[in-house]
N, C-alpha and C. Protein backbone atom coordinates (compact mmCIF):
# COMPACT_ATOMS: atom_id res chain seq x y z
N GLN A 1 32.03 10.37 9.87
CA GLN A 1 31.35 11.70 9.65
C GLN A 1 30.75 11.73 8.39
N ARG A 2 30.77 11.25 6.84
CA ARG A 2 30.50 11.54 5.76
C ARG A 2 29.17 10.77 6.11
N ILE A 3 29.36 9.60 6.46
CA ILE A 3 28.65 8.50 6.74
C ILE A 3 27.31 9.10 7.82
N LEU A 4 27.63 9.76 8.75
CA LEU A 4 26.67 10.25 9.78
C LEU A 4 25.93 11.25 8.91
N ARG A 5 26.53 12.24 8.30
CA ARG A 5 25.94 13.14 7.47
C ARG A 5 24.78 12.88 6.40
N LEU A 6 25.49 11.73 5.60
CA LEU A 6 23.99 10.87 4.86
C LEU A 6 23.42 10.47 5.61
N ALA A 7 22.97 9.73 6.55
CA ALA A 7 22.11 9.23 7.48
C ALA A 7 21.54 10.30 8.05
N GLU A 8 21.92 11.39 8.49
CA GLU A 8 20.90 12.56 8.64
C GLU A 8 19.61 13.32 7.30
N MET A 9 20.57 13.41 6.05
CA MET A 9 20.03 13.36 4.66
C MET A 9 18.85 12.69 4.67
N CYS A 10 19.25 11.20 4.56
CA CYS A 10 18.74 10.20 4.33
C CYS A 10 17.34 10.13 5.51
N ARG A 11 17.74 10.06 6.82
CA ARG A 11 16.52 10.56 8.02
C ARG A 11 15.33 11.19 7.38
N ARG A 12 15.33 12.39 6.63
CA ARG A 12 14.69 13.51 6.04
C ARG A 12 13.77 13.01 5.07
N LEU A 13 13.97 11.68 4.41
CA LEU A 13 13.36 10.92 3.23
C LEU A 13 12.98 9.89 3.32
N GLU A 14 12.63 9.25 5.15
CA GLU A 14 12.61 8.51 5.17
C GLU A 14 10.41 8.42 4.81
N THR A 15 10.06 7.58 5.00
CA THR A 15 8.93 7.30 4.21
C THR A 15 8.16 7.24 6.22
N GLU A 16 7.03 7.58 6.54
CA GLU A 16 6.18 7.90 7.44
C GLU A 16 6.22 6.16 8.15
N GLU A 17 5.89 5.17 7.43
CA GLU A 17 6.46 4.15 8.36
C GLU A 17 7.79 3.59 8.52
N GLU A 18 8.80 3.65 7.72
CA GLU A 18 10.31 3.82 8.24
C GLU A 18 10.36 4.79 9.92
N LYS A 19 9.51 6.04 9.93
CA LYS A 19 10.46 6.74 11.15
C LYS A 19 9.41 6.29 12.45
N VAL A 20 7.92 5.59 11.87
CA VAL A 20 7.30 5.02 13.26
C VAL A 20 7.95 3.30 13.22
N LEU A 21 8.39 2.89 12.31
CA LEU A 21 8.97 1.14 12.75
C LEU A 21 9.71 1.35 11.97
N PRO A 22 10.96 1.90 12.56
CA PRO A 22 12.17 2.01 11.88
C PRO A 22 12.99 0.73 12.21
N PHE A 23 12.43 -0.58 12.60
CA PHE A 23 13.26 -1.83 13.02
C PHE A 23 12.36 -2.66 12.11
N TYR A 24 13.13 -3.94 11.48
CA TYR A 24 12.41 -4.69 10.75
C TYR A 24 12.35 -6.02 11.41
N PRO A 25 11.51 -6.93 11.28
CA PRO A 25 11.52 -7.80 11.48
C PRO A 25 12.55 -8.81 11.32
N SER A 26 13.19 -9.58 12.71
CA SER A 26 13.90 -10.40 12.42
C SER A 26 13.62 -12.19 11.93
N SER A 27 14.31 -12.23 11.45
CA SER A 27 13.96 -13.60 10.62
C SER A 27 14.65 -14.68 11.53
N LEU A 28 15.43 -14.28 12.35
CA LEU A 28 16.08 -15.45 13.39
C LEU A 28 14.59 -16.10 14.68
N SER A 29 15.00 -17.67 14.60
CA SER A 29 13.92 -17.44 15.91
C SER A 29 14.67 -17.62 17.39
N GLU A 30 13.74 -17.36 18.26
CA GLU A 30 13.49 -16.97 19.59
C GLU A 30 15.04 -17.38 20.12
N SER A 31 15.30 -18.89 19.97
CA SER A 31 16.53 -19.12 20.57
C SER A 31 17.68 -19.09 19.66
N GLU A 32 17.78 -18.47 18.55
CA GLU A 32 18.68 -18.00 17.86
C GLU A 32 19.26 -16.57 18.09
N GLN A 33 17.69 -15.91 18.21
CA GLN A 33 18.07 -14.63 18.93
C GLN A 33 18.94 -14.36 20.16
N GLN A 34 18.55 -15.45 21.21
CA GLN A 34 18.91 -15.40 22.48
C GLN A 34 20.52 -15.44 22.65
N LYS A 35 20.83 -16.25 21.86
CA LYS A 35 22.21 -16.87 21.59
C LYS A 35 23.03 -15.95 20.88
N ALA A 36 22.61 -14.93 19.46
CA ALA A 36 23.39 -13.73 19.04
C ALA A 36 23.12 -12.82 20.25
N LEU A 37 22.90 -12.50 20.92
CA LEU A 37 22.87 -11.67 22.25
C LEU A 37 23.72 -12.24 22.92
N ARG A 38 24.10 -13.14 23.54
CA ARG A 38 24.83 -13.56 24.45
C ARG A 38 26.09 -13.41 23.91
N VAL A 39 26.24 -14.08 22.32
CA VAL A 39 27.80 -13.88 21.71
C VAL A 39 28.12 -12.10 21.70
N LEU A 40 26.85 -10.90 21.83
CA LEU A 40 27.55 -9.84 21.13
C LEU A 40 27.82 -9.25 23.10
N GLU A 41 27.21 -9.86 23.61
CA GLU A 41 27.84 -9.49 24.96
C GLU A 41 28.96 -10.09 25.37
N GLU A 42 29.59 -10.92 24.64
CA GLU A 42 30.89 -11.19 25.45
C GLU A 42 32.05 -10.25 24.77
N THR A 43 33.23 -10.27 25.57
CA THR A 43 34.00 -9.65 25.45
C THR A 43 34.94 -9.91 23.69
N PRO A 44 35.03 -9.37 22.72
CA PRO A 44 35.85 -10.09 21.70
C PRO A 44 37.42 -10.35 22.34
N ILE A 45 37.55 -11.20 21.87
CA ILE A 45 39.14 -11.81 21.64
C ILE A 45 39.75 -11.64 20.64
N GLU A 46 39.27 -11.84 19.60
CA GLU A 46 39.94 -11.39 18.26
C GLU A 46 40.15 -10.24 17.79
N PRO A 47 41.27 -9.83 17.25
CA PRO A 47 41.01 -8.11 16.38
C PRO A 47 40.28 -7.84 15.73
N LEU A 48 39.86 -8.62 14.89
CA LEU A 48 38.69 -8.44 13.56
C LEU A 48 37.54 -8.26 14.76
N ALA A 49 37.16 -9.40 15.63
CA ALA A 49 36.00 -8.87 16.00
C ALA A 49 36.05 -8.05 17.11
N GLN A 50 37.02 -7.35 17.52
CA GLN A 50 36.84 -6.07 18.38
C GLN A 50 36.42 -5.04 17.23
N ALA A 51 37.10 -4.95 16.18
CA ALA A 51 36.79 -3.85 15.26
C ALA A 51 35.70 -4.15 15.19
N MET A 52 34.62 -4.89 14.90
CA MET A 52 33.32 -5.24 14.56
C MET A 52 32.86 -4.72 15.61
N LYS A 53 32.96 -4.56 16.71
CA LYS A 53 32.12 -4.36 17.58
C LYS A 53 32.06 -2.34 17.79
N ASP A 54 33.09 -2.28 17.19
CA ASP A 54 33.14 -0.63 17.28
C ASP A 54 31.79 -0.09 16.02
N TYR A 55 31.85 -0.93 15.00
CA TYR A 55 31.01 -0.31 13.95
C TYR A 55 29.25 -1.33 14.24
N MET A 56 29.10 -1.70 15.56
CA MET A 56 27.60 -1.90 15.65
C MET A 56 27.01 -0.90 15.39
N GLY A 57 27.21 0.12 15.93
CA GLY A 57 25.85 1.34 15.80
C GLY A 57 25.65 1.34 14.01
N LEU A 58 26.34 1.10 13.26
CA LEU A 58 25.67 0.75 11.66
C LEU A 58 24.82 -0.26 11.13
N GLU A 59 24.77 -1.19 12.53
CA GLU A 59 23.90 -1.92 12.06
C GLU A 59 22.37 -1.73 11.02
N ARG A 60 22.03 -0.83 11.80
CA ARG A 60 19.96 0.08 11.32
C ARG A 60 20.65 0.40 9.88
N PHE A 61 21.89 0.93 9.22
CA PHE A 61 22.67 1.56 8.72
C PHE A 61 22.68 0.35 7.20
N TRP A 62 23.21 -0.65 7.82
CA TRP A 62 22.81 -1.35 7.00
C TRP A 62 21.89 -2.81 6.86
N GLN A 63 20.63 -2.68 7.57
CA GLN A 63 19.34 -3.00 7.32
C GLN A 63 18.79 -2.44 6.39
N ARG A 64 18.64 -1.03 6.44
CA ARG A 64 18.57 -0.59 5.35
C ARG A 64 19.23 -0.24 4.09
N PHE A 65 20.37 0.07 4.23
CA PHE A 65 21.04 -0.78 2.73
C PHE A 65 20.91 -1.83 2.26
N ASN A 66 20.77 -3.06 2.99
CA ASN A 66 19.88 -4.53 2.55
C ASN A 66 19.02 -4.30 1.80
N LYS A 67 18.07 -3.87 2.56
CA LYS A 67 16.57 -3.54 2.11
C LYS A 67 16.62 -2.85 0.53
N ALA A 68 17.50 -1.90 0.82
CA ALA A 68 17.00 -1.23 -0.59
C ALA A 68 17.73 -1.89 -1.72
N LYS A 69 18.39 -2.42 -1.36
CA LYS A 69 19.21 -3.58 -2.22
C LYS A 69 18.43 -4.62 -3.16
N LEU A 70 17.74 -5.04 -1.98
CA LEU A 70 16.53 -6.25 -2.30
C LEU A 70 15.61 -5.88 -2.79
N GLU A 71 15.09 -4.79 -2.67
CA GLU A 71 13.74 -3.82 -3.31
C GLU A 71 14.56 -3.57 -4.71
N GLU A 72 15.40 -2.86 -4.83
CA GLU A 72 16.49 -2.88 -6.29
C GLU A 72 16.50 -4.21 -7.58
N LYS A 73 16.67 -5.13 -6.52
CA LYS A 73 16.50 -6.46 -7.16
C LYS A 73 15.70 -6.77 -7.84
N ALA A 74 14.44 -6.84 -6.35
CA ALA A 74 12.83 -7.37 -6.71
C ALA A 74 12.57 -5.99 -8.07
N LEU A 75 12.75 -4.83 -7.91
CA LEU A 75 12.30 -3.94 -9.34
C LEU A 75 13.07 -4.73 -10.95
N GLU A 76 14.20 -4.53 -10.21
CA GLU A 76 14.77 -4.89 -11.70
C GLU A 76 14.30 -6.61 -12.18
N GLN A 77 13.84 -7.62 -11.41
CA GLN A 77 13.23 -8.63 -11.95
C GLN A 77 11.83 -8.19 -12.95
N ALA A 78 11.06 -7.60 -12.04
CA ALA A 78 9.72 -7.38 -12.43
C ALA A 78 9.96 -6.04 -13.71
N ARG A 79 11.13 -5.38 -13.50
CA ARG A 79 11.30 -4.83 -14.94
C ARG A 79 11.46 -5.98 -16.05
N ALA A 80 12.14 -6.80 -15.55
CA ALA A 80 12.48 -7.82 -16.89
C ALA A 80 11.69 -8.63 -17.40
N ALA A 81 10.71 -9.03 -16.41
CA ALA A 81 9.23 -10.16 -16.47
C ALA A 81 8.44 -8.93 -17.29
N LEU A 82 8.62 -7.63 -17.21
CA LEU A 82 7.31 -6.72 -17.64
C LEU A 82 8.21 -6.49 -19.43
N ALA A 83 9.45 -6.48 -19.16
CA ALA A 83 9.53 -6.43 -20.77
C ALA A 83 9.15 -7.51 -21.65
N ASN A 84 9.77 -9.15 -20.96
CA ASN A 84 9.38 -9.75 -21.66
C ASN A 84 7.73 -9.81 -22.22
N ARG A 85 6.97 -9.71 -21.01
CA ARG A 85 5.90 -9.52 -21.48
C ARG A 85 5.17 -8.72 -22.78
N ASN A 86 5.78 -7.65 -22.96
CA ASN A 86 5.83 -6.95 -23.33
C ASN A 86 6.32 -6.85 -24.83
N GLN A 87 7.32 -7.90 -25.06
CA GLN A 87 7.76 -8.18 -26.28
C GLN A 87 6.87 -9.05 -26.88
N HIS A 88 6.34 -10.15 -25.75
CA HIS A 88 5.39 -11.23 -26.33
C HIS A 88 3.85 -10.97 -26.58
N LEU A 89 3.80 -9.74 -26.00
CA LEU A 89 2.29 -8.69 -26.61
C LEU A 89 2.71 -8.15 -28.05
N ARG A 90 3.88 -7.79 -28.07
CA ARG A 90 4.00 -6.98 -29.59
C ARG A 90 4.07 -8.17 -30.59
N LYS A 91 4.53 -9.27 -30.26
CA LYS A 91 5.14 -10.33 -31.35
C LYS A 91 3.53 -11.03 -31.64
N LEU A 92 2.68 -10.99 -30.77
CA LEU A 92 1.17 -11.51 -30.93
C LEU A 92 0.27 -10.38 -31.78
N LEU A 93 0.52 -9.25 -31.24
CA LEU A 93 -0.14 -7.80 -31.96
C LEU A 93 0.16 -8.20 -33.42
N GLN A 94 1.64 -7.94 -33.64
CA GLN A 94 2.33 -8.44 -35.02
C GLN A 94 1.59 -9.23 -35.89
N GLN A 95 1.61 -10.52 -35.16
CA GLN A 95 0.76 -11.67 -35.98
C GLN A 95 -0.60 -11.33 -36.27
N TYR A 96 -1.43 -10.53 -35.21
CA TYR A 96 -2.76 -10.37 -35.71
C TYR A 96 -2.82 -9.30 -37.01
N LEU A 97 -2.01 -8.38 -36.87
CA LEU A 97 -1.91 -7.20 -37.78
C LEU A 97 -1.81 -7.88 -39.19
N SER A 98 -0.46 -9.23 -38.99
CA SER A 98 -0.20 -9.46 -40.49
C SER A 98 -1.74 -10.49 -40.83
N GLY A 99 -1.98 -10.82 -40.04
CA GLY A 99 -3.30 -12.07 -40.42
C GLY A 99 -4.18 -11.22 -41.26
N ALA A 100 -4.40 -9.93 -40.43
CA ALA A 100 -5.39 -8.72 -40.65
C ALA A 100 -5.30 -8.13 -42.28
N ALA A 101 -4.27 -8.34 -42.67
CA ALA A 101 -3.92 -7.38 -43.87
C ALA A 101 -3.77 -8.60 -44.65
N VAL A 102 -3.28 -9.78 -44.46
CA VAL A 102 -3.52 -10.85 -45.50
C VAL A 102 -5.07 -11.18 -45.86
N SER A 103 -5.83 -11.31 -44.85
CA SER A 103 -7.28 -11.13 -44.94
C SER A 103 -8.37 -10.54 -45.75
N GLN A 104 -7.14 -8.78 -45.68
CA GLN A 104 -7.96 -7.71 -47.04
C GLN A 104 -7.30 -8.10 -48.05
N LYS A 105 -6.22 -8.87 -48.24
CA LYS A 105 -5.94 -8.72 -49.53
C LYS A 105 -6.03 -10.03 -50.44
N VAL A 106 -6.93 -10.68 -49.68
CA VAL A 106 -7.88 -12.17 -50.43
C VAL A 106 -9.20 -11.61 -51.08
N PRO A 107 -9.33 -11.67 -52.32
CA PRO A 107 -10.75 -11.18 -52.72
C PRO A 107 -12.24 -11.88 -52.00
N ARG A 108 -12.66 -11.22 -51.79
CA ARG A 108 -13.81 -11.92 -51.66
C ARG A 108 -14.59 -12.56 -52.34
N ASN A 109 -15.22 -12.05 -53.76
CA ASN A 109 -16.09 -13.25 -54.97
C ASN A 109 -14.43 -12.96 -55.66
N PRO A 110 -14.17 -14.23 -55.48
CA PRO A 110 -13.06 -14.70 -57.00
C PRO A 110 -13.74 -14.47 -58.30
N HIS A 111 -12.76 -13.84 -58.92
CA HIS A 111 -13.44 -13.56 -60.30
C HIS A 111 -13.58 -14.73 -61.11
N PRO A 112 -14.63 -15.13 -62.42
CA PRO A 112 -14.79 -16.56 -62.59
C PRO A 112 -13.69 -16.14 -63.75
N ILE A 113 -13.22 -17.74 -63.84
CA ILE A 113 -12.48 -17.62 -65.08
C ILE A 113 -12.82 -18.21 -66.14
């Protein structure tokens, strides 16, 4: 019941693209998809397989959950890359500023001895 309530709440927050195209393209080939459909149509013999059959309605939930996790990981990697780039740019700016400070300290007209 909790998952269904959360799904209803999430439905309100879906983007227009998710509402229009709720299913994601499969990465399986045509023959692999047909084989998977045949396996799903068979009556499961093992207890675990029977229990899994009861939760097939959550497949869409897991697709979205996995998509969100993948996007989260991609954003973490992008953030780490930007942090590294920022650190590199700060070092370059620090080098530039230290070079500019040194050049101002060097006298332009050396005093004759």
